[in-house]
């Protein structure tokens, strides 16, 4: 029972995150014709997922294994394959099943009456870009030899 409620709550947050990006790209599409907001939102989700995945891997390498992350050619291929896998998964979940239209209809009325929609959009972008900010901070601190190992 509790597990189901938790999964429903997480699903609502992910849907609202998707809605914020989709709505933003939809509004931007008024100024840039012929750019579909659905695939752009999926690409932003892929970028966020890969950011969190790479961040957690880097922390695992640094904290558990006590070494710096070294990305060789095989690692680059793995990252490209993971990007493609995430893209196809998100594309199947949101675009192919027309789930994005259901999400848009579900949250549209709420968004129009929401006074804090700019704050919600800012928080959505923050969730996507935080791992990149942490990664850059880690790289700078590592370069300056502030991190001891």
Foldseek 3Di string as FASTA:
>chain_A
DVVVVVVVVVVVVVLVLLLLQLVVVVVVCVVVPPDHSQLVSLLLVLLLVLLVVVLVVQCCCCPVVVDGDDQDPVNVVVSVVSSVVSSVVSCVVPPVVVVNVVSNVVCVVVCVPDPCSVVVSVVSVCSRCVSVVVVVVVVVCVVVCVDPD
